[in-house]
Amino acid sequence: MNEGGLIPYQLTVQVLVNALIKEPSQNYLIDGFPRAVDQAVYFEQVVGECQNVLYFNTPIEVCVARCLERAKTSGRSDDTE
C-alpha cells in the first residue's frame, strides 16, 4: 500500500468487526473511519447504523503542516506536500 491507496472496504470493516467482538462495549469511538462512502455503507449493513458522527473541518494548510511535521519521523512515503 505504498501508493497511498485504500485496502478493500470489506477487509477494513472485517478488521473493525473483529476488534468489536474482541472488546465488547456499548459505545465505540472509531477514529479515521470511514474514509470512503462504501466503507460506511458496508459497515452499517454488517454492524448497524452509527449513532453519532464527529466531523472536524481542518484547514488544508494545517493538514499539510501536520503531515510534513510527521514526515520528519514517520518514514511514511505519503507524508509529502
N, C-alpha and C. Protein backbone atom coordinates (compact mmCIF):
# COMPACT_ATOMS: atom_id res chain seq x y z
N MET A 1 0.82 -1.20 0.00
CA MET A 1 0.00 0.00 0.00
C MET A 1 0.86 1.26 0.00
N ASN A 2 2.04 1.16 -0.50
CA ASN A 2 2.93 2.30 -0.56
C ASN A 2 2.41 3.39 -1.48
N GLU A 3 1.43 3.04 -2.31
CA GLU A 3 0.86 4.01 -3.24
C GLU A 3 -0.15 4.93 -2.58
N GLY A 4 -0.48 4.67 -1.34
CA GLY A 4 -1.44 5.51 -0.62
C GLY A 4 -2.88 5.13 -0.87
N GLY A 5 -3.12 4.01 -1.54
CA GLY A 5 -4.48 3.57 -1.81
C GLY A 5 -5.11 2.92 -0.60
N LEU A 6 -6.41 2.75 -0.67
CA LEU A 6 -7.14 2.11 0.41
C LEU A 6 -7.23 0.61 0.17
N ILE A 7 -7.20 -0.16 1.24
CA ILE A 7 -7.43 -1.60 1.12
C ILE A 7 -8.93 -1.80 0.88
N PRO A 8 -9.34 -2.98 0.42
CA PRO A 8 -10.77 -3.21 0.17
C PRO A 8 -11.61 -2.91 1.41
N TYR A 9 -12.73 -2.23 1.19
CA TYR A 9 -13.55 -1.80 2.33
C TYR A 9 -14.07 -2.99 3.13
N GLN A 10 -14.28 -4.13 2.49
CA GLN A 10 -14.75 -5.31 3.23
C GLN A 10 -13.71 -5.76 4.25
N LEU A 11 -12.44 -5.69 3.88
CA LEU A 11 -11.37 -6.06 4.81
C LEU A 11 -11.28 -5.07 5.96
N THR A 12 -11.38 -3.79 5.65
CA THR A 12 -11.36 -2.76 6.70
C THR A 12 -12.48 -3.00 7.71
N VAL A 13 -13.67 -3.24 7.21
CA VAL A 13 -14.82 -3.46 8.10
C VAL A 13 -14.64 -4.75 8.88
N GLN A 14 -14.12 -5.79 8.27
CA GLN A 14 -13.92 -7.05 8.99
C GLN A 14 -12.92 -6.88 10.14
N VAL A 15 -11.87 -6.11 9.92
CA VAL A 15 -10.91 -5.83 10.99
C VAL A 15 -11.62 -5.12 12.14
N LEU A 16 -12.46 -4.14 11.82
CA LEU A 16 -13.21 -3.44 12.86
C LEU A 16 -14.16 -4.38 13.59
N VAL A 17 -14.87 -5.20 12.86
CA VAL A 17 -15.80 -6.15 13.48
C VAL A 17 -15.06 -7.09 14.42
N ASN A 18 -13.91 -7.59 14.00
CA ASN A 18 -13.12 -8.46 14.87
C ASN A 18 -12.72 -7.75 16.16
N ALA A 19 -12.35 -6.48 16.05
CA ALA A 19 -11.99 -5.71 17.25
C ALA A 19 -13.20 -5.47 18.14
N LEU A 20 -14.35 -5.22 17.54
CA LEU A 20 -15.57 -5.01 18.33
C LEU A 20 -15.96 -6.28 19.08
N ILE A 21 -15.80 -7.41 18.43
CA ILE A 21 -16.11 -8.69 19.08
C ILE A 21 -15.13 -8.97 20.22
N LYS A 22 -13.87 -8.67 19.99
CA LYS A 22 -12.83 -8.93 20.99
C LYS A 22 -13.00 -8.07 22.23
N GLU A 23 -13.46 -6.82 22.05
CA GLU A 23 -13.61 -5.87 23.16
C GLU A 23 -15.04 -5.35 23.19
N PRO A 24 -16.00 -6.16 23.67
CA PRO A 24 -17.40 -5.74 23.67
C PRO A 24 -17.63 -4.49 24.54
N SER A 25 -18.45 -3.60 24.03
CA SER A 25 -18.83 -2.38 24.73
C SER A 25 -20.13 -1.87 24.13
N GLN A 26 -20.78 -0.97 24.83
CA GLN A 26 -21.98 -0.36 24.28
C GLN A 26 -21.64 0.85 23.42
N ASN A 27 -20.44 1.40 23.60
CA ASN A 27 -20.04 2.60 22.87
C ASN A 27 -18.62 2.45 22.33
N TYR A 28 -18.44 2.97 21.13
CA TYR A 28 -17.12 2.96 20.50
C TYR A 28 -16.89 4.30 19.83
N LEU A 29 -15.64 4.72 19.80
CA LEU A 29 -15.22 5.86 19.00
C LEU A 29 -14.19 5.31 18.02
N ILE A 30 -14.54 5.33 16.74
CA ILE A 30 -13.67 4.78 15.71
C ILE A 30 -13.05 5.94 14.96
N ASP A 31 -11.79 6.20 15.25
CA ASP A 31 -11.09 7.36 14.69
C ASP A 31 -10.68 7.11 13.25
N GLY A 32 -10.94 8.07 12.39
CA GLY A 32 -10.49 8.00 11.00
C GLY A 32 -11.29 7.06 10.12
N PHE A 33 -12.47 6.70 10.56
CA PHE A 33 -13.32 5.79 9.80
C PHE A 33 -14.72 6.35 9.74
N PRO A 34 -15.37 6.28 8.64
CA PRO A 34 -14.93 5.73 7.36
C PRO A 34 -14.14 6.76 6.57
N ARG A 35 -13.34 6.28 5.64
CA ARG A 35 -12.60 7.17 4.75
C ARG A 35 -13.26 7.25 3.38
N ALA A 36 -14.27 6.44 3.17
CA ALA A 36 -14.99 6.45 1.90
C ALA A 36 -16.43 6.01 2.16
N VAL A 37 -17.33 6.42 1.29
CA VAL A 37 -18.75 6.11 1.46
C VAL A 37 -18.99 4.61 1.45
N ASP A 38 -18.29 3.87 0.59
CA ASP A 38 -18.52 2.42 0.53
C ASP A 38 -18.20 1.75 1.87
N GLN A 39 -17.19 2.26 2.60
CA GLN A 39 -16.88 1.72 3.92
C GLN A 39 -18.05 1.96 4.88
N ALA A 40 -18.60 3.15 4.84
CA ALA A 40 -19.71 3.50 5.74
C ALA A 40 -20.94 2.65 5.45
N VAL A 41 -21.29 2.52 4.20
CA VAL A 41 -22.47 1.76 3.81
C VAL A 41 -22.31 0.30 4.21
N TYR A 42 -21.17 -0.27 3.91
CA TYR A 42 -20.93 -1.68 4.25
C TYR A 42 -20.91 -1.89 5.76
N PHE A 43 -20.29 -0.98 6.50
CA PHE A 43 -20.26 -1.08 7.95
C PHE A 43 -21.68 -1.11 8.52
N GLU A 44 -22.53 -0.22 8.03
CA GLU A 44 -23.91 -0.18 8.53
C GLU A 44 -24.69 -1.43 8.14
N GLN A 45 -24.39 -2.03 7.00
CA GLN A 45 -25.05 -3.27 6.59
C GLN A 45 -24.63 -4.43 7.49
N VAL A 46 -23.35 -4.46 7.85
CA VAL A 46 -22.80 -5.59 8.62
C VAL A 46 -23.00 -5.40 10.12
N VAL A 47 -22.79 -4.20 10.62
CA VAL A 47 -22.78 -3.95 12.06
C VAL A 47 -24.07 -3.27 12.54
N GLY A 48 -24.47 -2.24 11.85
CA GLY A 48 -25.64 -1.45 12.24
C GLY A 48 -25.34 0.02 12.05
N GLU A 49 -26.37 0.81 12.15
CA GLU A 49 -26.21 2.24 11.95
C GLU A 49 -25.41 2.88 13.08
N CYS A 50 -24.58 3.84 12.71
CA CYS A 50 -23.87 4.58 13.74
C CYS A 50 -24.85 5.54 14.41
N GLN A 51 -24.55 5.92 15.61
CA GLN A 51 -25.45 6.78 16.37
C GLN A 51 -25.04 8.25 16.30
N ASN A 52 -23.75 8.52 16.20
CA ASN A 52 -23.25 9.89 16.16
C ASN A 52 -22.00 9.94 15.28
N VAL A 53 -21.76 11.11 14.73
CA VAL A 53 -20.58 11.32 13.91
C VAL A 53 -19.92 12.61 14.35
N LEU A 54 -18.61 12.57 14.55
CA LEU A 54 -17.83 13.77 14.83
C LEU A 54 -17.10 14.14 13.55
N TYR A 55 -17.21 15.37 13.14
CA TYR A 55 -16.54 15.83 11.93
C TYR A 55 -15.77 17.09 12.26
N PHE A 56 -14.48 17.05 12.01
CA PHE A 56 -13.63 18.21 12.26
C PHE A 56 -13.19 18.77 10.91
N ASN A 57 -13.51 20.00 10.65
CA ASN A 57 -13.16 20.65 9.40
C ASN A 57 -11.87 21.44 9.62
N THR A 58 -10.76 20.85 9.21
CA THR A 58 -9.45 21.45 9.44
C THR A 58 -8.94 22.09 8.15
N PRO A 59 -8.45 23.31 8.22
CA PRO A 59 -7.93 23.97 7.01
C PRO A 59 -6.81 23.15 6.36
N ILE A 60 -6.77 23.13 5.04
CA ILE A 60 -5.79 22.33 4.30
C ILE A 60 -4.36 22.70 4.70
N GLU A 61 -4.12 23.97 4.99
CA GLU A 61 -2.78 24.39 5.39
C GLU A 61 -2.34 23.70 6.68
N VAL A 62 -3.25 23.54 7.60
CA VAL A 62 -2.95 22.87 8.87
C VAL A 62 -2.67 21.39 8.61
N CYS A 63 -3.46 20.77 7.75
CA CYS A 63 -3.26 19.35 7.43
C CYS A 63 -1.89 19.12 6.80
N VAL A 64 -1.54 19.97 5.84
CA VAL A 64 -0.24 19.84 5.18
C VAL A 64 0.89 20.02 6.19
N ALA A 65 0.79 21.03 7.03
CA ALA A 65 1.82 21.27 8.03
C ALA A 65 1.98 20.08 8.97
N ARG A 66 0.87 19.47 9.37
CA ARG A 66 0.93 18.31 10.25
C ARG A 66 1.58 17.12 9.56
N CYS A 67 1.23 16.88 8.30
CA CYS A 67 1.84 15.78 7.55
C CYS A 67 3.34 15.99 7.38
N LEU A 68 3.72 17.21 7.06
CA LEU A 68 5.15 17.49 6.88
C LEU A 68 5.91 17.35 8.18
N GLU A 69 5.31 17.72 9.28
CA GLU A 69 5.95 17.55 10.58
C GLU A 69 6.06 16.07 10.92
N ARG A 70 5.01 15.33 10.66
CA ARG A 70 5.02 13.89 10.93
C ARG A 70 6.07 13.19 10.06
N ALA A 71 6.28 13.70 8.84
CA ALA A 71 7.24 13.10 7.91
C ALA A 71 8.65 13.07 8.46
N LYS A 72 8.94 13.97 9.38
CA LYS A 72 10.30 14.03 9.94
C LYS A 72 10.67 12.76 10.69
N THR A 73 9.66 12.03 11.18
CA THR A 73 9.95 10.83 11.96
C THR A 73 9.17 9.59 11.52
N SER A 74 8.17 9.75 10.65
CA SER A 74 7.28 8.64 10.35
C SER A 74 7.83 7.62 9.38
N GLY A 75 8.62 8.07 8.42
CA GLY A 75 9.10 7.18 7.38
C GLY A 75 8.02 6.81 6.38
N ARG A 76 6.86 7.45 6.45
CA ARG A 76 5.76 7.17 5.52
C ARG A 76 6.02 7.85 4.18
N SER A 77 5.79 7.12 3.12
CA SER A 77 6.03 7.69 1.79
C SER A 77 4.96 8.70 1.39
N ASP A 78 3.81 8.67 2.06
CA ASP A 78 2.73 9.60 1.69
C ASP A 78 2.72 10.88 2.51
N ASP A 79 3.69 11.07 3.39
CA ASP A 79 3.79 12.30 4.17
C ASP A 79 4.56 13.34 3.38
N THR A 80 3.94 13.81 2.32
CA THR A 80 4.55 14.82 1.45
C THR A 80 3.49 15.86 1.12
N GLU A 81 3.97 16.99 0.61
CA GLU A 81 3.03 18.02 0.19
C GLU A 81 2.23 17.54 -1.01
